[in-house]
Amino acid sequence: MPPAKGDPLAFPRVTVIGRVTKLDRQDQNHPGRREAWLAKHPKAALYVDFGDFNFYRMTVERVSLNGGFGKAYELTAEDLKPDAAG
């Protein structure tokens, strides 16, 4: 967690760029997503079934990682995949 004081632009940050897709409520996986969401956010039971509540999936295309002054990196989706060798 960054310090409470100082220039926020000097702190590490990340920008995630990708495509977001709305997931269909009629999809066979919807009940599982709903259950997992409620397990993590039990108070969401108040609104999870409202018509305007939806789940989305983001496919990451690239990431801009800024670790602070002079530490900027552009990462591709390939860079973010787990190493298959280990």
PDB file of N, CA and C in Angstrom:
ATOM      1  N   MET A   1       0.853  -1.177   0.000  1.00  0.00           N
ATOM      2  CA  MET A   1       0.000   0.000   0.000  1.00  0.00           C
ATOM      3  C   MET A   1       0.897   1.237   0.000  1.00  0.00           C
ATOM      4  N   PRO A   2       0.597   2.212  -0.873  1.00  0.00           N
ATOM      5  CA  PRO A   2       1.424   3.414  -0.932  1.00  0.00           C
ATOM      6  C   PRO A   2       1.244   4.272   0.318  1.00  0.00           C
ATOM      7  N   PRO A   3       2.220   5.089   0.595  1.00  0.00           N
ATOM      8  CA  PRO A   3       2.103   6.001   1.735  1.00  0.00           C
ATOM      9  C   PRO A   3       0.918   6.948   1.563  1.00  0.00           C
ATOM     10  N   ALA A   4       0.417   7.468   2.671  1.00  0.00           N
ATOM     11  CA  ALA A   4      -0.727   8.377   2.642  1.00  0.00           C
ATOM     12  C   ALA A   4      -0.349   9.752   2.108  1.00  0.00           C
ATOM     13  N   LYS A   5       0.949  10.083   2.132  1.00  0.00           N
ATOM     14  CA  LYS A   5       1.396  11.400   1.683  1.00  0.00           C
ATOM     15  C   LYS A   5       2.337  11.255   0.503  1.00  0.00           C
ATOM     16  N   GLY A   6       2.497  12.351  -0.217  1.00  0.00           N
ATOM     17  CA  GLY A   6       3.423  12.373  -1.341  1.00  0.00           C
ATOM     18  C   GLY A   6       2.687  12.461  -2.667  1.00  0.00           C
ATOM     19  N   ASP A   7       3.461  12.533  -3.728  1.00  0.00           N
ATOM     20  CA  ASP A   7       2.928  12.663  -5.074  1.00  0.00           C
ATOM     21  C   ASP A   7       2.387  11.317  -5.550  1.00  0.00           C
ATOM     22  N   PRO A   8       1.085  11.203  -5.798  1.00  0.00           N
ATOM     23  CA  PRO A   8       0.507   9.928  -6.230  1.00  0.00           C
ATOM     24  C   PRO A   8       1.126   9.412  -7.531  1.00  0.00           C
ATOM     25  N   LEU A   9       1.627  10.319  -8.376  1.00  0.00           N
ATOM     26  CA  LEU A   9       2.237   9.888  -9.630  1.00  0.00           C
ATOM     27  C   LEU A   9       3.575   9.180  -9.417  1.00  0.00           C
ATOM     28  N   ALA A  10       4.125   9.266  -8.226  1.00  0.00           N
ATOM     29  CA  ALA A  10       5.381   8.586  -7.918  1.00  0.00           C
ATOM     30  C   ALA A  10       5.126   7.160  -7.406  1.00  0.00           C
ATOM     31  N   PHE A  11       3.866   6.807  -7.145  1.00  0.00           N
ATOM     32  CA  PHE A  11       3.537   5.491  -6.607  1.00  0.00           C
ATOM     33  C   PHE A  11       3.300   4.494  -7.743  1.00  0.00           C
ATOM     34  N   PRO A  12       3.508   3.211  -7.497  1.00  0.00           N
ATOM     35  CA  PRO A  12       3.236   2.193  -8.514  1.00  0.00           C
ATOM     36  C   PRO A  12       1.752   2.154  -8.884  1.00  0.00           C
ATOM     37  N   ARG A  13       1.485   1.857 -10.155  1.00  0.00           N
ATOM     38  CA  ARG A  13       0.106   1.739 -10.623  1.00  0.00           C
ATOM     39  C   ARG A  13       0.085   0.918 -11.902  1.00  0.00           C
ATOM     40  N   VAL A  14      -1.089   0.438 -12.239  1.00  0.00           N
ATOM     41  CA  VAL A  14      -1.247  -0.394 -13.426  1.00  0.00           C
ATOM     42  C   VAL A  14      -2.519   0.007 -14.162  1.00  0.00           C
ATOM     43  N   THR A  15      -2.465  -0.017 -15.478  1.00  0.00           N
ATOM     44  CA  THR A  15      -3.630   0.197 -16.323  1.00  0.00           C
ATOM     45  C   THR A  15      -3.833  -1.079 -17.121  1.00  0.00           C
ATOM     46  N   VAL A  16      -5.025  -1.649 -17.038  1.00  0.00           N
ATOM     47  CA  VAL A  16      -5.330  -2.892 -17.743  1.00  0.00           C
ATOM     48  C   VAL A  16      -6.212  -2.552 -18.943  1.00  0.00           C
ATOM     49  N   ILE A  17      -5.785  -3.003 -20.131  1.00  0.00           N
ATOM     50  CA  ILE A  17      -6.505  -2.722 -21.370  1.00  0.00           C
ATOM     51  C   ILE A  17      -6.964  -4.045 -21.963  1.00  0.00           C
ATOM     52  N   GLY A  18      -8.236  -4.114 -22.340  1.00  0.00           N
ATOM     53  CA  GLY A  18      -8.745  -5.351 -22.925  1.00  0.00           C
ATOM     54  C   GLY A  18     -10.173  -5.193 -23.391  1.00  0.00           C
ATOM     55  N   ARG A  19     -10.769  -6.317 -23.708  1.00  0.00           N
ATOM     56  CA  ARG A  19     -12.158  -6.344 -24.174  1.00  0.00           C
ATOM     57  C   ARG A  19     -13.035  -6.941 -23.082  1.00  0.00           C
ATOM     58  N   VAL A  20     -14.166  -6.282 -22.854  1.00  0.00           N
ATOM     59  CA  VAL A  20     -15.098  -6.723 -21.819  1.00  0.00           C
ATOM     60  C   VAL A  20     -16.356  -7.250 -22.502  1.00  0.00           C
ATOM     61  N   THR A  21     -16.779  -8.426 -22.065  1.00  0.00           N
ATOM     62  CA  THR A  21     -17.958  -9.062 -22.631  1.00  0.00           C
ATOM     63  C   THR A  21     -18.984  -9.309 -21.525  1.00  0.00           C
ATOM     64  N   LYS A  22     -20.214  -8.905 -21.787  1.00  0.00           N
ATOM     65  CA  LYS A  22     -21.303  -9.158 -20.844  1.00  0.00           C
ATOM     66  C   LYS A  22     -21.671 -10.644 -20.929  1.00  0.00           C
ATOM     67  N   LEU A  23     -21.786 -11.297 -19.776  1.00  0.00           N
ATOM     68  CA  LEU A  23     -22.110 -12.716 -19.732  1.00  0.00           C
ATOM     69  C   LEU A  23     -23.623 -12.904 -19.626  1.00  0.00           C
ATOM     70  N   ASP A  24     -24.136 -13.821 -20.401  1.00  0.00           N
ATOM     71  CA  ASP A  24     -25.572 -14.069 -20.496  1.00  0.00           C
ATOM     72  C   ASP A  24     -26.097 -14.772 -19.241  1.00  0.00           C
ATOM     73  N   ARG A  25     -27.189 -14.272 -18.704  1.00  0.00           N
ATOM     74  CA  ARG A  25     -27.818 -14.892 -17.527  1.00  0.00           C
ATOM     75  C   ARG A  25     -28.354 -16.284 -17.838  1.00  0.00           C
ATOM     76  N   GLN A  26     -28.630 -16.562 -19.106  1.00  0.00           N
ATOM     77  CA  GLN A  26     -29.168 -17.864 -19.499  1.00  0.00           C
ATOM     78  C   GLN A  26     -28.057 -18.900 -19.696  1.00  0.00           C
ATOM     79  N   ASP A  27     -26.822 -18.467 -19.628  1.00  0.00           N
ATOM     80  CA  ASP A  27     -25.671 -19.362 -19.777  1.00  0.00           C
ATOM     81  C   ASP A  27     -25.684 -20.407 -18.669  1.00  0.00           C
ATOM     82  N   GLN A  28     -25.269 -21.616 -18.977  1.00  0.00           N
ATOM     83  CA  GLN A  28     -25.289 -22.701 -17.985  1.00  0.00           C
ATOM     84  C   GLN A  28     -24.347 -22.437 -16.814  1.00  0.00           C
ATOM     85  N   ASN A  29     -23.374 -21.550 -16.978  1.00  0.00           N
ATOM     86  CA  ASN A  29     -22.428 -21.237 -15.904  1.00  0.00           C
ATOM     87  C   ASN A  29     -22.893 -20.108 -14.986  1.00  0.00           C
ATOM     88  N   HIS A  30     -24.008 -19.479 -15.334  1.00  0.00           N
ATOM     89  CA  HIS A  30     -24.489 -18.353 -14.527  1.00  0.00           C
ATOM     90  C   HIS A  30     -24.752 -18.725 -13.063  1.00  0.00           C
ATOM     91  N   PRO A  31     -25.418 -19.832 -12.778  1.00  0.00           N
ATOM     92  CA  PRO A  31     -25.657 -20.161 -11.364  1.00  0.00           C
ATOM     93  C   PRO A  31     -24.357 -20.306 -10.563  1.00  0.00           C
ATOM     94  N   GLY A  32     -23.340 -20.869 -11.161  1.00  0.00           N
ATOM     95  CA  GLY A  32     -22.053 -21.008 -10.476  1.00  0.00           C
ATOM     96  C   GLY A  32     -21.380 -19.673 -10.230  1.00  0.00           C
ATOM     97  N   ARG A  33     -21.439 -18.787 -11.227  1.00  0.00           N
ATOM     98  CA  ARG A  33     -20.878 -17.431 -11.057  1.00  0.00           C
ATOM     99  C   ARG A  33     -21.610 -16.706  -9.941  1.00  0.00           C
ATOM    100  N   ARG A  34     -22.937 -16.827  -9.953  1.00  0.00           N
ATOM    101  CA  ARG A  34     -23.762 -16.158  -8.943  1.00  0.00           C
ATOM    102  C   ARG A  34     -23.413 -16.673  -7.551  1.00  0.00           C
ATOM    103  N   GLU A  35     -23.305 -17.973  -7.420  1.00  0.00           N
ATOM    104  CA  GLU A  35     -22.984 -18.582  -6.130  1.00  0.00           C
ATOM    105  C   GLU A  35     -21.599 -18.150  -5.636  1.00  0.00           C
ATOM    106  N   ALA A  36     -20.630 -18.143  -6.537  1.00  0.00           N
ATOM    107  CA  ALA A  36     -19.269 -17.722  -6.163  1.00  0.00           C
ATOM    108  C   ALA A  36     -19.255 -16.255  -5.732  1.00  0.00           C
ATOM    109  N   TRP A  37     -20.000 -15.424  -6.454  1.00  0.00           N
ATOM    110  CA  TRP A  37     -20.070 -13.997  -6.116  1.00  0.00           C
ATOM    111  C   TRP A  37     -20.676 -13.801  -4.725  1.00  0.00           C
ATOM    112  N   LEU A  38     -21.773 -14.514  -4.454  1.00  0.00           N
ATOM    113  CA  LEU A  38     -22.426 -14.373  -3.163  1.00  0.00           C
ATOM    114  C   LEU A  38     -21.581 -14.936  -2.025  1.00  0.00           C
ATOM    115  N   ALA A  39     -20.764 -15.941  -2.303  1.00  0.00           N
ATOM    116  CA  ALA A  39     -19.874 -16.478  -1.275  1.00  0.00           C
ATOM    117  C   ALA A  39     -18.852 -15.428  -0.853  1.00  0.00           C
ATOM    118  N   LYS A  40     -18.431 -14.620  -1.812  1.00  0.00           N
ATOM    119  CA  LYS A  40     -17.436 -13.582  -1.518  1.00  0.00           C
ATOM    120  C   LYS A  40     -18.089 -12.278  -1.054  1.00  0.00           C
ATOM    121  N   HIS A  41     -19.291 -12.015  -1.550  1.00  0.00           N
ATOM    122  CA  HIS A  41     -20.001 -10.758  -1.252  1.00  0.00           C
ATOM    123  C   HIS A  41     -21.425 -11.074  -0.792  1.00  0.00           C
ATOM    124  N   PRO A  42     -21.597 -11.607   0.419  1.00  0.00           N
ATOM    125  CA  PRO A  42     -22.934 -12.032   0.862  1.00  0.00           C
ATOM    126  C   PRO A  42     -23.991 -10.934   0.846  1.00  0.00           C
ATOM    127  N   LYS A  43     -23.609  -9.696   1.081  1.00  0.00           N
ATOM    128  CA  LYS A  43     -24.589  -8.603   1.074  1.00  0.00           C
ATOM    129  C   LYS A  43     -25.142  -8.338  -0.324  1.00  0.00           C
ATOM    130  N   ALA A  44     -24.486  -8.884  -1.353  1.00  0.00           N
ATOM    131  CA  ALA A  44     -24.962  -8.717  -2.729  1.00  0.00           C
ATOM    132  C   ALA A  44     -26.271  -9.465  -2.962  1.00  0.00           C
ATOM    133  N   ALA A  45     -26.666 -10.322  -2.028  1.00  0.00           N
ATOM    134  CA  ALA A  45     -27.938 -11.039  -2.163  1.00  0.00           C
ATOM    135  C   ALA A  45     -29.104 -10.059  -2.316  1.00  0.00           C
ATOM    136  N   LEU A  46     -28.923  -8.835  -1.845  1.00  0.00           N
ATOM    137  CA  LEU A  46     -29.965  -7.813  -1.960  1.00  0.00           C
ATOM    138  C   LEU A  46     -30.211  -7.401  -3.414  1.00  0.00           C
ATOM    139  N   TYR A  47     -29.188  -7.510  -4.281  1.00  0.00           N
ATOM    140  CA  TYR A  47     -29.322  -6.972  -5.636  1.00  0.00           C
ATOM    141  C   TYR A  47     -28.854  -7.896  -6.757  1.00  0.00           C
ATOM    142  N   VAL A  48     -28.268  -9.050  -6.442  1.00  0.00           N
ATOM    143  CA  VAL A  48     -27.687  -9.905  -7.482  1.00  0.00           C
ATOM    144  C   VAL A  48     -28.712 -10.366  -8.517  1.00  0.00           C
ATOM    145  N   ASP A  49     -29.976 -10.428  -8.149  1.00  0.00           N
ATOM    146  CA  ASP A  49     -31.005 -10.880  -9.086  1.00  0.00           C
ATOM    147  C   ASP A  49     -31.767  -9.744  -9.763  1.00  0.00           C
ATOM    148  N   PHE A  50     -31.372  -8.506  -9.505  1.00  0.00           N
ATOM    149  CA  PHE A  50     -31.990  -7.374 -10.188  1.00  0.00           C
ATOM    150  C   PHE A  50     -31.681  -7.470 -11.687  1.00  0.00           C
ATOM    151  N   GLY A  51     -32.575  -6.987 -12.502  1.00  0.00           N
ATOM    152  CA  GLY A  51     -32.415  -7.040 -13.952  1.00  0.00           C
ATOM    153  C   GLY A  51     -31.225  -6.276 -14.488  1.00  0.00           C
ATOM    154  N   ASP A  52     -30.777  -5.269 -13.749  1.00  0.00           N
ATOM    155  CA  ASP A  52     -29.646  -4.467 -14.229  1.00  0.00           C
ATOM    156  C   ASP A  52     -28.305  -4.909 -13.623  1.00  0.00           C
ATOM    157  N   PHE A  53     -28.288  -6.044 -12.922  1.00  0.00           N
ATOM    158  CA  PHE A  53     -27.037  -6.582 -12.380  1.00  0.00           C
ATOM    159  C   PHE A  53     -26.546  -7.651 -13.345  1.00  0.00           C
ATOM    160  N   ASN A  54     -25.284  -7.530 -13.761  1.00  0.00           N
ATOM    161  CA  ASN A  54     -24.720  -8.469 -14.727  1.00  0.00           C
ATOM    162  C   ASN A  54     -23.292  -8.828 -14.353  1.00  0.00           C
ATOM    163  N   PHE A  55     -22.860  -9.956 -14.871  1.00  0.00           N
ATOM    164  CA  PHE A  55     -21.463 -10.357 -14.757  1.00  0.00           C
ATOM    165  C   PHE A  55     -20.786 -10.105 -16.096  1.00  0.00           C
ATOM    166  N   TYR A  56     -19.497  -9.791 -16.030  1.00  0.00           N
ATOM    167  CA  TYR A  56     -18.715  -9.498 -17.224  1.00  0.00           C
ATOM    168  C   TYR A  56     -17.401 -10.266 -17.173  1.00  0.00           C
ATOM    169  N   ARG A  57     -16.853 -10.547 -18.340  1.00  0.00           N
ATOM    170  CA  ARG A  57     -15.533 -11.170 -18.442  1.00  0.00           C
ATOM    171  C   ARG A  57     -14.628 -10.214 -19.213  1.00  0.00           C
ATOM    172  N   MET A  58     -13.443 -10.012 -18.679  1.00  0.00           N
ATOM    173  CA  MET A  58     -12.458  -9.173 -19.364  1.00  0.00           C
ATOM    174  C   MET A  58     -11.346 -10.041 -19.920  1.00  0.00           C
ATOM    175  N   THR A  59     -11.089  -9.895 -21.219  1.00  0.00           N
ATOM    176  CA  THR A  59      -9.953 -10.540 -21.857  1.00  0.00           C
ATOM    177  C   THR A  59      -8.858  -9.482 -21.944  1.00  0.00           C
ATOM    178  N   VAL A  60      -7.797  -9.685 -21.195  1.00  0.00           N
ATOM    179  CA  VAL A  60      -6.713  -8.703 -21.124  1.00  0.00           C
ATOM    180  C   VAL A  60      -5.888  -8.758 -22.405  1.00  0.00           C
ATOM    181  N   GLU A  61      -5.677  -7.596 -23.004  1.00  0.00           N
ATOM    182  CA  GLU A  61      -4.859  -7.495 -24.211  1.00  0.00           C
ATOM    183  C   GLU A  61      -3.458  -6.972 -23.894  1.00  0.00           C
ATOM    184  N   ARG A  62      -3.403  -6.028 -22.984  1.00  0.00           N
ATOM    185  CA  ARG A  62      -2.094  -5.501 -22.580  1.00  0.00           C
ATOM    186  C   ARG A  62      -2.244  -4.771 -21.249  1.00  0.00           C
ATOM    187  N   VAL A  63      -1.101  -4.530 -20.637  1.00  0.00           N
ATOM    188  CA  VAL A  63      -1.062  -3.861 -19.341  1.00  0.00           C
ATOM    189  C   VAL A  63       0.037  -2.815 -19.377  1.00  0.00           C
ATOM    190  N   SER A  64      -0.256  -1.660 -18.856  1.00  0.00           N
ATOM    191  CA  SER A  64       0.747  -0.620 -18.676  1.00  0.00           C
ATOM    192  C   SER A  64       1.079  -0.589 -17.194  1.00  0.00           C
ATOM    193  N   LEU A  65       2.301  -0.986 -16.875  1.00  0.00           N
ATOM    194  CA  LEU A  65       2.758  -1.053 -15.490  1.00  0.00           C
ATOM    195  C   LEU A  65       3.718   0.092 -15.233  1.00  0.00           C
ATOM    196  N   ASN A  66       3.386   0.928 -14.268  1.00  0.00           N
ATOM    197  CA  ASN A  66       4.251   2.033 -13.889  1.00  0.00           C
ATOM    198  C   ASN A  66       4.631   1.821 -12.442  1.00  0.00           C
ATOM    199  N   GLY A  67       5.904   1.505 -12.226  1.00  0.00           N
ATOM    200  CA  GLY A  67       6.385   1.217 -10.887  1.00  0.00           C
ATOM    201  C   GLY A  67       6.852   2.448 -10.138  1.00  0.00           C
ATOM    202  N   GLY A  68       6.622   3.610 -10.703  1.00  0.00           N
ATOM    203  CA  GLY A  68       7.096   4.847 -10.109  1.00  0.00           C
ATOM    204  C   GLY A  68       8.004   5.551 -11.102  1.00  0.00           C
ATOM    205  N   PHE A  69       8.656   6.586 -10.688  1.00  0.00           N
ATOM    206  CA  PHE A  69       9.471   7.397 -11.582  1.00  0.00           C
ATOM    207  C   PHE A  69      10.529   6.546 -12.286  1.00  0.00           C
ATOM    208  N   GLY A  70      10.522   6.577 -13.628  1.00  0.00           N
ATOM    209  CA  GLY A  70      11.528   5.881 -14.424  1.00  0.00           C
ATOM    210  C   GLY A  70      11.366   4.370 -14.470  1.00  0.00           C
ATOM    211  N   LYS A  71      10.204   3.848 -14.076  1.00  0.00           N
ATOM    212  CA  LYS A  71       9.989   2.397 -14.061  1.00  0.00           C
ATOM    213  C   LYS A  71       8.682   2.055 -14.768  1.00  0.00           C
ATOM    214  N   ALA A  72       8.613   2.314 -16.064  1.00  0.00           N
ATOM    215  CA  ALA A  72       7.393   2.056 -16.822  1.00  0.00           C
ATOM    216  C   ALA A  72       7.610   0.888 -17.772  1.00  0.00           C
ATOM    217  N   TYR A  73       6.585   0.028 -17.874  1.00  0.00           N
ATOM    218  CA  TYR A  73       6.670  -1.160 -18.713  1.00  0.00           C
ATOM    219  C   TYR A  73       5.355  -1.377 -19.434  1.00  0.00           C
ATOM    220  N   GLU A  74       5.438  -1.821 -20.684  1.00  0.00           N
ATOM    221  CA  GLU A  74       4.265  -2.242 -21.445  1.00  0.00           C
ATOM    222  C   GLU A  74       4.317  -3.758 -21.540  1.00  0.00           C
ATOM    223  N   LEU A  75       3.281  -4.423 -21.078  1.00  0.00           N
ATOM    224  CA  LEU A  75       3.215  -5.876 -21.096  1.00  0.00           C
ATOM    225  C   LEU A  75       2.097  -6.322 -22.029  1.00  0.00           C
ATOM    226  N   THR A  76       2.317  -7.390 -22.774  1.00  0.00           N
ATOM    227  CA  THR A  76       1.291  -7.935 -23.656  1.00  0.00           C
ATOM    228  C   THR A  76       0.554  -9.054 -22.926  1.00  0.00           C
ATOM    229  N   ALA A  77      -0.516  -9.533 -23.516  1.00  0.00           N
ATOM    230  CA  ALA A  77      -1.253 -10.661 -22.940  1.00  0.00           C
ATOM    231  C   ALA A  77      -0.327 -11.867 -22.818  1.00  0.00           C
ATOM    232  N   GLU A  78       0.554 -12.047 -23.776  1.00  0.00           N
ATOM    233  CA  GLU A  78       1.509 -13.158 -23.738  1.00  0.00           C
ATOM    234  C   GLU A  78       2.446 -13.032 -22.518  1.00  0.00           C
ATOM    235  N   ASP A  79       2.857 -11.816 -22.202  1.00  0.00           N
ATOM    236  CA  ASP A  79       3.729 -11.583 -21.045  1.00  0.00           C
ATOM    237  C   ASP A  79       3.047 -11.976 -19.732  1.00  0.00           C
ATOM    238  N   LEU A  80       1.729 -11.932 -19.721  1.00  0.00           N
ATOM    239  CA  LEU A  80       0.979 -12.174 -18.490  1.00  0.00           C
ATOM    240  C   LEU A  80       0.618 -13.643 -18.268  1.00  0.00           C
ATOM    241  N   LYS A  81       0.855 -14.482 -19.276  1.00  0.00           N
ATOM    242  CA  LYS A  81       0.533 -15.908 -19.126  1.00  0.00           C
ATOM    243  C   LYS A  81       1.504 -16.563 -18.165  1.00  0.00           C
ATOM    244  N   PRO A  82       1.004 -17.487 -17.342  1.00  0.00           N
ATOM    245  CA  PRO A  82       1.896 -18.207 -16.425  1.00  0.00           C
ATOM    246  C   PRO A  82       2.949 -18.986 -17.213  1.00  0.00           C
ATOM    247  N   ASP A  83       4.115 -19.081 -16.641  1.00  0.00           N
ATOM    248  CA  ASP A  83       5.220 -19.821 -17.267  1.00  0.00           C
ATOM    249  C   ASP A  83       4.884 -21.303 -17.259  1.00  0.00           C
ATOM    250  N   ALA A  84       4.779 -21.896 -18.434  1.00  0.00           N
ATOM    251  CA  ALA A  84       4.428 -23.311 -18.539  1.00  0.00           C
ATOM    252  C   ALA A  84       5.527 -24.205 -17.984  1.00  0.00           C
ATOM    253  N   ALA A  85       6.768 -23.713 -17.971  1.00  0.00           N
ATOM    254  CA  ALA A  85       7.899 -24.530 -17.517  1.00  0.00           C
ATOM    255  C   ALA A  85       7.997 -24.570 -16.005  1.00  0.00           C
ATOM    256  N   GLY A  86       7.393 -23.634 -15.342  1.00  0.00           N
ATOM    257  CA  GLY A  86       7.610 -23.700 -13.917  1.00  0.00           C
ATOM    258  C   GLY A  86       6.810 -22.792 -13.123  1.00  0.00           C
TER     259      GLY A  86
END
